[in-house]
Amino acid sequence: MARYIGSVCRLCRREGMKLFLKGDRCFTEKCAIEKRNYAPGQHGKGARIKSKLQGYGLQLREKQKVKRLYGMLEGQFALTFERASQEKGVSGELLLQKLERRLSNVVYRLGFGSSQAQARQLVRHGHVRINERKIDIPSYQVKVGDLITLAPRATKNAFVQASVEAVKGRGVPRWLELDSTNLTAKVLALPARDDVSFPIQEQLIVELYSK
């Protein structure tokens, strides 16, 4: 499957905010937004990042931001929205719930990976277990009661251990429970809208796909 292989810092600069795509680096002064808080490209420095977008432009930028935040491609994101819109409830909130329940995102939120990309790699390489069963599909939707563990080899990985230490200070979402000593976790509940701390205007995405 095709993946974005360009500079992820350019994505943050394009959106004008931190998307935390580089892991712990995003929490330091080395972050590209801290150094160059303007859009990438030849004319980026002279352009206003927070331009007066309206209508379709606002909707598109919001969709691009959320898609990049969760490390997804266009087709994956559109399919996730389609499935959310077919369920009963508020489409925008159901979309965010499905995005949060992606296994790659859960691994990231638990701190097993320092970024969405590293978490996705852990899943794809078969290092993640759900109820003692290997799952290597990043889009897998976790359920309430699921027990999440890592393969023995992954628990000894220096990057994983460092990432878990870093997440202790930031904490994990309340719908997840982490045992940082044994590197195990449990899904306590489905994520609610309040559990998504990143500034997202999901209604703009609903309006975009409803055209």
Protein backbone atom coordinates (compact mmCIF):
# COMPACT_ATOMS: atom_id res chain seq x y z
CA MET A 1 0.00 0.00 0.00
CA ALA A 2 1.20 3.50 -0.79
CA ARG A 3 2.34 5.59 2.14
CA TYR A 4 3.38 9.21 2.53
CA ILE A 5 7.19 9.23 2.67
CA GLY A 6 7.87 12.96 2.59
CA SER A 7 8.80 15.20 5.50
CA VAL A 8 6.07 15.01 8.13
CA CYS A 9 7.20 18.33 9.57
CA ARG A 10 6.00 19.95 6.35
CA LEU A 11 2.53 18.61 7.10
CA CYS A 12 2.48 20.29 10.50
CA ARG A 13 3.68 23.55 9.00
CA ARG A 14 1.05 23.34 6.28
CA GLU A 15 -1.70 22.97 8.86
CA GLY A 16 -0.17 25.68 11.04
CA MET A 17 -0.17 23.54 14.18
CA LYS A 18 1.55 20.58 15.79
CA LEU A 19 0.18 17.23 14.65
CA PHE A 20 2.73 15.35 16.79
CA LEU A 21 3.94 13.24 13.86
CA LYS A 22 7.58 13.06 15.02
CA GLY A 23 6.99 11.66 18.48
CA ASP A 24 8.96 13.14 21.36
CA ARG A 25 10.70 15.63 19.07
CA CYS A 26 7.41 17.53 18.83
CA PHE A 27 7.61 18.33 22.55
CA THR A 28 11.03 20.00 22.24
CA GLU A 29 12.38 23.22 20.78
CA LYS A 30 13.56 21.20 17.76
CA CYS A 31 9.98 21.01 16.49
CA ALA A 32 9.66 22.57 13.02
CA ILE A 33 6.70 24.71 14.14
CA GLU A 34 8.89 26.25 16.84
CA LYS A 35 11.62 27.07 14.32
CA ARG A 36 9.63 27.94 11.20
CA ASN A 37 6.04 28.80 12.00
CA TYR A 38 5.01 29.42 8.40
CA ALA A 39 3.80 27.31 5.48
CA PRO A 40 6.37 25.24 3.55
CA GLY A 41 7.39 26.07 0.02
CA GLN A 42 9.00 28.95 -1.87
CA HIS A 43 6.37 31.49 -0.86
CA GLY A 44 5.57 30.04 2.54
CA LYS A 45 7.27 32.69 4.67
CA GLY A 46 5.43 35.53 3.01
CA ALA A 47 2.06 33.79 3.09
CA ARG A 48 -0.30 33.91 6.03
CA ILE A 49 -0.85 30.48 7.57
CA LYS A 50 -4.20 31.47 9.05
CA SER A 51 -5.65 32.86 5.85
CA LYS A 52 -9.32 33.70 5.68
CA LEU A 53 -10.57 30.38 4.36
CA GLN A 54 -14.27 29.95 3.84
CA GLY A 55 -16.67 27.20 2.89
CA TYR A 56 -15.01 24.38 0.99
CA GLY A 57 -11.51 25.59 1.88
CA LEU A 58 -12.20 25.34 5.61
CA GLN A 59 -13.80 21.92 5.23
CA LEU A 60 -10.92 20.59 3.15
CA ARG A 61 -8.25 21.85 5.56
CA GLU A 62 -10.06 20.26 8.51
CA LYS A 63 -10.30 16.91 6.71
CA GLN A 64 -6.64 17.04 5.72
CA LYS A 65 -5.62 17.89 9.28
CA VAL A 66 -7.53 14.98 10.83
CA LYS A 67 -6.41 12.55 8.14
CA ARG A 68 -2.78 13.44 8.78
CA LEU A 69 -3.25 13.42 12.54
CA TYR A 70 -4.24 9.74 12.41
CA GLY A 71 -1.74 8.83 9.69
CA MET A 72 -4.28 7.78 7.07
CA LEU A 73 -4.54 7.96 3.29
CA GLU A 74 -7.50 9.47 1.46
CA GLY A 75 -9.21 6.19 0.61
CA GLN A 76 -8.89 4.87 4.17
CA PHE A 77 -10.31 8.05 5.63
CA ALA A 78 -13.23 8.21 3.19
CA LEU A 79 -14.12 4.57 3.91
CA THR A 80 -14.05 5.23 7.66
CA PHE A 81 -16.42 8.16 7.22
CA GLU A 82 -18.75 6.10 5.03
CA ARG A 83 -18.98 3.40 7.68
CA ALA A 84 -19.58 5.98 10.42
CA SER A 85 -22.33 7.68 8.42
CA GLN A 86 -24.17 4.38 8.00
CA GLU A 87 -24.51 3.87 11.75
CA LYS A 88 -27.16 5.40 13.98
CA GLY A 89 -25.98 8.47 15.83
CA VAL A 90 -24.10 11.70 15.17
CA SER A 91 -21.88 11.04 12.15
CA GLY A 92 -19.07 13.36 13.25
CA GLU A 93 -18.79 11.83 16.70
CA LEU A 94 -19.00 8.29 15.31
CA LEU A 95 -16.19 9.16 12.89
CA LEU A 96 -13.94 10.34 15.72
CA GLN A 97 -14.81 7.24 17.73
CA LYS A 98 -13.79 4.97 14.86
CA LEU A 99 -10.56 6.90 14.35
CA GLU A 100 -9.70 6.62 18.04
CA ARG A 101 -10.50 2.89 18.08
CA ARG A 102 -8.04 2.10 15.28
CA LEU A 103 -5.47 -0.32 16.71
CA SER A 104 -2.54 1.78 15.48
CA ASN A 105 -3.97 4.82 17.25
CA VAL A 106 -4.60 2.87 20.47
CA VAL A 107 -1.00 1.61 20.45
CA TYR A 108 0.12 5.23 20.05
CA ARG A 109 -2.17 6.56 22.80
CA LEU A 110 -0.85 3.90 25.17
CA GLY A 111 2.71 5.03 24.48
CA PHE A 112 3.89 1.76 22.95
CA GLY A 113 4.85 3.88 19.93
CA SER A 114 6.13 7.44 20.14
CA SER A 115 4.23 8.45 16.98
CA GLN A 116 1.40 7.19 14.81
CA ALA A 117 3.95 5.95 12.27
CA GLN A 118 5.94 3.98 14.86
CA ALA A 119 2.74 2.53 16.33
CA ARG A 120 1.56 1.47 12.89
CA GLN A 121 4.91 -0.22 12.29
CA LEU A 122 4.60 -2.18 15.53
CA VAL A 123 1.19 -3.43 14.44
CA ARG A 124 2.20 -4.25 10.86
CA HIS A 125 5.25 -6.21 12.05
CA GLY A 126 3.07 -8.42 14.23
CA HIS A 127 4.25 -7.18 17.64
CA VAL A 128 0.76 -6.44 19.01
CA ARG A 129 -1.65 -8.96 20.55
CA ILE A 130 -5.38 -8.55 21.16
CA ASN A 131 -6.67 -11.10 23.67
CA GLU A 132 -3.51 -13.16 23.05
CA ARG A 133 -4.12 -13.19 19.29
CA LYS A 134 -1.72 -11.49 16.89
CA ILE A 135 -3.33 -8.64 14.97
CA ASP A 136 -1.31 -6.96 12.22
CA ILE A 137 -4.06 -4.72 10.79
CA PRO A 138 -3.63 -1.05 11.83
CA SER A 139 -7.30 -0.26 11.10
CA TYR A 140 -8.57 -3.03 13.40
CA GLN A 141 -11.29 -1.64 15.70
CA VAL A 142 -10.70 -2.44 19.35
CA LYS A 143 -13.69 -3.34 21.52
CA VAL A 144 -14.59 -2.87 25.18
CA GLY A 145 -12.84 -5.50 27.28
CA ASP A 146 -10.03 -6.16 24.80
CA LEU A 147 -6.68 -6.96 26.40
CA ILE A 148 -3.75 -5.45 24.52
CA THR A 149 -0.26 -6.86 24.94
CA LEU A 150 3.04 -6.82 23.10
CA ALA A 151 5.12 -9.73 21.84
CA PRO A 152 7.96 -10.59 24.28
CA ARG A 153 10.58 -9.28 21.86
CA ALA A 154 8.82 -5.92 21.57
CA THR A 155 8.63 -5.41 25.34
CA LYS A 156 12.43 -5.42 25.45
CA ASN A 157 12.76 -2.88 22.64
CA ALA A 158 14.54 0.27 23.85
CA PHE A 159 12.32 2.55 21.74
CA VAL A 160 9.15 1.03 23.19
CA GLN A 161 10.43 1.32 26.75
CA ALA A 162 11.49 4.94 26.23
CA SER A 163 8.13 5.79 24.69
CA VAL A 164 6.20 4.26 27.60
CA GLU A 165 8.31 6.26 30.05
CA ALA A 166 7.54 9.45 28.12
CA VAL A 167 3.79 8.83 28.13
CA LYS A 168 3.70 8.47 31.92
CA GLY A 169 3.95 12.23 32.26
CA ARG A 170 1.25 12.89 29.66
CA GLY A 171 -1.12 10.12 30.70
CA VAL A 172 -3.38 7.90 28.59
CA PRO A 173 -7.04 8.47 27.65
CA ARG A 174 -9.50 7.56 30.37
CA TRP A 175 -11.15 4.91 28.19
CA LEU A 176 -7.89 2.95 28.24
CA GLU A 177 -6.04 1.38 31.19
CA LEU A 178 -2.27 0.94 31.01
CA ASP A 179 -0.06 -1.27 33.14
CA SER A 180 3.29 0.34 32.35
CA THR A 181 5.19 -2.26 34.38
CA ASN A 182 4.00 -5.28 32.42
CA LEU A 183 3.29 -3.31 29.21
CA THR A 184 -0.30 -4.48 29.03
CA ALA A 185 -3.48 -2.48 28.54
CA LYS A 186 -7.24 -2.89 28.55
CA VAL A 187 -10.07 -1.11 26.74
CA LEU A 188 -12.41 0.09 29.49
CA ALA A 189 -15.02 1.83 27.36
CA LEU A 190 -15.68 3.28 23.95
CA PRO A 191 -14.08 6.71 23.46
CA ALA A 192 -16.44 9.65 23.97
CA ARG A 193 -16.26 12.99 22.19
CA ASP A 194 -14.68 14.56 25.28
CA ASP A 195 -11.84 12.04 25.11
CA VAL A 196 -10.54 13.60 21.89
CA SER A 197 -8.36 16.40 23.21
CA PHE A 198 -7.03 17.60 19.86
CA PRO A 199 -8.95 20.59 18.42
CA ILE A 200 -11.11 19.02 15.73
CA GLN A 201 -14.24 20.46 14.12
CA GLU A 202 -15.75 17.23 12.87
CA GLN A 203 -18.88 18.96 11.56
CA LEU A 204 -16.79 20.55 8.82
CA ILE A 205 -15.76 17.08 7.65
CA VAL A 206 -19.38 15.90 7.67
CA GLU A 207 -20.33 18.91 5.56
CA LEU A 208 -17.48 18.21 3.12
CA TYR A 209 -18.50 14.61 2.50
CA SER A 210 -22.19 15.52 2.38
CA LYS A 211 -21.81 17.67 -0.75
